[in-house]
Amino acid sequence: MTIYFYHLKDAYGDFSNFSRHGFWLDNYYWPTVEHYYQAHKFLGTAYDALGHRIRTAPTARAAAELGRDPAYPVRQDWEQVKQQVMWRALVAKFTTHAALRQLLLATEEEDLVEDSPVDSYWGCGRDRQGHNYLGRQLMYLRYCLRHSIPLPNEFRGWPLSQG
């Protein structure tokens, strides 16, 4: 069985980057994974102030909109670091919240798929043929937690049946 998640109100909606499960990382409090991810497109660049504005955005949706504003160029190495940024945020989220960790572990060995109709990189996309890197990272995190493997500082890939 495959577990699809996307909307916060769904059974596994807490796996979404928009879920309000905040955490401390890099000396700041982040209300959601989305806040952390979007802010890191700009932190340490000439648009550092935008990164901090994203961090304090009132909602995950507002953080996403700010982070996707085409008026601001993302950091030059973004394509090389974005998976590591997401990984760090997911580790922080799921190690901070015991109930979330238990929900993730309770999925056993099921495939986890972000059922995003618009994102074929982090999700499966409209045709469900996308890369599903968010699902892959969650499955890798689940594997590490289940087997008491020390959590690596970076996501090294997880060759599963998706994409």
Protein backbone atom coordinates (compact mmCIF):
# COMPACT_ATOMS: atom_id res chain seq x y z
CA MET A 1 0.00 0.00 0.00
CA THR A 2 1.21 3.50 -0.75
CA ILE A 3 0.50 6.32 1.68
CA TYR A 4 -0.21 9.58 -0.11
CA PHE A 5 -0.07 12.85 1.83
CA TYR A 6 -0.51 16.47 0.87
CA HIS A 7 -3.39 18.29 2.57
CA LEU A 8 -3.01 19.09 6.25
CA LYS A 9 -6.49 17.76 7.04
CA ASP A 10 -5.70 14.30 5.64
CA ALA A 11 -4.69 11.33 7.81
CA TYR A 12 -0.97 11.88 7.15
CA GLY A 13 -1.17 15.64 6.64
CA ASP A 14 1.36 16.14 9.41
CA PHE A 15 4.01 14.86 6.98
CA SER A 16 3.45 18.03 4.94
CA ASN A 17 6.03 20.79 5.14
CA PHE A 18 3.15 23.12 5.97
CA SER A 19 2.25 21.32 9.22
CA ARG A 20 2.73 23.53 12.25
CA HIS A 21 5.34 21.44 14.00
CA GLY A 22 8.01 23.97 14.85
CA PHE A 23 11.60 23.28 15.83
CA TRP A 24 14.84 24.99 16.77
CA LEU A 25 17.65 24.79 14.23
CA ASP A 26 20.62 27.04 13.44
CA ASN A 27 19.87 29.13 16.55
CA TYR A 28 16.38 30.09 15.34
CA TYR A 29 12.88 28.83 15.88
CA TRP A 30 11.16 27.71 12.66
CA PRO A 31 7.35 27.39 12.73
CA THR A 32 7.33 24.86 9.87
CA VAL A 33 9.68 23.00 7.56
CA GLU A 34 8.43 25.26 4.76
CA HIS A 35 9.67 28.35 6.62
CA TYR A 36 13.12 26.79 7.01
CA TYR A 37 13.36 25.57 3.43
CA GLN A 38 12.20 28.79 1.77
CA ALA A 39 14.36 31.03 4.01
CA HIS A 40 17.49 29.07 3.14
CA LYS A 41 17.17 30.10 -0.48
CA PHE A 42 18.36 33.55 0.65
CA LEU A 43 20.13 33.35 4.02
CA GLY A 44 23.79 34.22 3.67
CA THR A 45 23.23 36.11 0.41
CA ALA A 46 22.61 39.73 -0.47
CA TYR A 47 18.95 38.94 0.29
CA ASP A 48 19.60 37.70 3.82
CA ALA A 49 16.93 40.06 5.18
CA LEU A 50 14.35 38.31 2.99
CA GLY A 51 15.39 35.01 4.52
CA HIS A 52 14.69 36.39 7.99
CA ARG A 53 11.38 37.83 6.81
CA ILE A 54 10.43 34.37 5.56
CA ARG A 55 11.41 32.86 8.91
CA THR A 56 8.91 35.10 10.68
CA ALA A 57 6.13 34.88 8.08
CA PRO A 58 2.73 34.32 9.73
CA THR A 59 1.97 31.07 7.85
CA ALA A 60 3.70 28.41 5.81
CA ARG A 61 1.80 29.60 2.75
CA ALA A 62 3.11 33.14 3.27
CA ALA A 63 6.65 31.77 3.68
CA ALA A 64 6.27 29.80 0.44
CA GLU A 65 4.98 32.82 -1.47
CA LEU A 66 7.88 34.96 -0.28
CA GLY A 67 10.40 32.23 -1.11
CA ARG A 68 9.02 31.83 -4.62
CA ASP A 69 9.00 35.53 -5.48
CA PRO A 70 10.79 35.74 -8.83
CA ALA A 71 12.01 39.25 -8.01
CA TYR A 72 14.68 37.73 -5.75
CA PRO A 73 17.34 35.36 -7.09
CA VAL A 74 18.03 32.31 -4.94
CA ARG A 75 21.52 31.45 -3.79
CA GLN A 76 23.76 30.24 -6.57
CA ASP A 77 24.30 26.80 -5.10
CA TRP A 78 20.61 26.19 -4.36
CA GLU A 79 20.24 23.21 -6.69
CA GLN A 80 23.22 21.55 -5.00
CA VAL A 81 22.11 22.18 -1.39
CA LYS A 82 18.31 22.09 -1.39
CA GLN A 83 18.08 18.39 -0.54
CA GLN A 84 20.43 18.86 2.43
CA VAL A 85 18.39 21.85 3.60
CA MET A 86 15.19 19.80 3.47
CA TRP A 87 16.84 16.85 5.20
CA ARG A 88 18.05 18.96 8.12
CA ALA A 89 14.58 20.44 8.59
CA LEU A 90 12.87 17.04 8.48
CA VAL A 91 15.30 15.56 11.00
CA ALA A 92 14.66 18.50 13.33
CA LYS A 93 10.88 18.28 12.93
CA PHE A 94 10.60 14.53 13.50
CA THR A 95 13.11 14.36 16.34
CA THR A 96 11.46 17.29 18.13
CA HIS A 97 7.93 15.87 18.05
CA ALA A 98 7.55 12.37 19.51
CA ALA A 99 3.99 11.93 18.22
CA LEU A 100 5.14 12.69 14.67
CA ARG A 101 8.02 10.29 14.99
CA GLN A 102 5.60 7.57 16.12
CA LEU A 103 3.24 8.35 13.22
CA LEU A 104 6.15 8.02 10.80
CA LEU A 105 7.30 4.73 12.33
CA ALA A 106 3.73 3.39 12.27
CA THR A 107 3.78 3.58 8.47
CA GLU A 108 5.91 0.42 8.63
CA GLU A 109 7.48 -0.16 5.20
CA GLU A 110 4.83 1.57 3.11
CA ASP A 111 5.88 3.90 0.32
CA LEU A 112 5.31 7.54 1.30
CA VAL A 113 4.38 9.90 -1.51
CA GLU A 114 3.78 13.62 -1.42
CA ASP A 115 0.70 13.77 -3.64
CA SER A 116 1.40 17.25 -4.98
CA PRO A 117 -0.31 17.93 -8.30
CA VAL A 118 2.10 20.81 -8.99
CA ASP A 119 5.48 19.61 -7.74
CA SER A 120 7.17 16.72 -9.50
CA TYR A 121 10.49 17.26 -7.70
CA TRP A 122 9.47 17.02 -4.03
CA GLY A 123 6.19 15.29 -4.85
CA CYS A 124 4.79 12.96 -7.46
CA GLY A 125 3.34 15.64 -9.72
CA ARG A 126 0.10 15.62 -11.63
CA ASP A 127 0.89 12.34 -13.42
CA ARG A 128 2.28 10.66 -10.26
CA GLN A 129 5.55 10.00 -12.08
CA GLY A 130 7.59 12.67 -10.29
CA HIS A 131 10.71 12.21 -8.19
CA ASN A 132 8.95 12.34 -4.79
CA TYR A 133 12.09 13.44 -2.95
CA LEU A 134 10.07 14.50 0.12
CA GLY A 135 8.62 11.03 0.39
CA ARG A 136 12.03 9.48 -0.18
CA GLN A 137 13.58 11.58 2.56
CA LEU A 138 10.80 10.63 4.96
CA MET A 139 11.27 6.93 4.17
CA TYR A 140 15.02 7.27 4.72
CA LEU A 141 14.40 9.06 8.02
CA ARG A 142 11.96 6.31 9.04
CA TYR A 143 14.56 3.67 8.18
CA CYS A 144 17.24 5.42 10.26
CA LEU A 145 14.89 5.87 13.22
CA ARG A 146 13.59 2.29 13.08
CA HIS A 147 17.07 0.80 13.00
CA SER A 148 18.62 3.26 15.47
CA ILE A 149 21.06 4.45 12.85
CA PRO A 150 22.70 7.76 13.79
CA LEU A 151 21.06 10.39 11.64
CA PRO A 152 23.54 11.62 9.05
CA ASN A 153 23.97 15.36 8.52
CA GLU A 154 22.97 15.03 4.89
CA PHE A 155 20.59 13.07 2.75
CA ARG A 156 22.60 10.62 0.68
CA GLY A 157 19.79 9.31 -1.47
CA TRP A 158 17.43 6.46 -1.01
CA PRO A 159 16.80 4.26 -4.05
CA LEU A 160 13.21 3.18 -3.68
CA SER A 161 10.53 2.35 -6.18
CA GLN A 162 9.48 5.99 -6.65
CA GLY A 163 11.03 7.92 -9.55
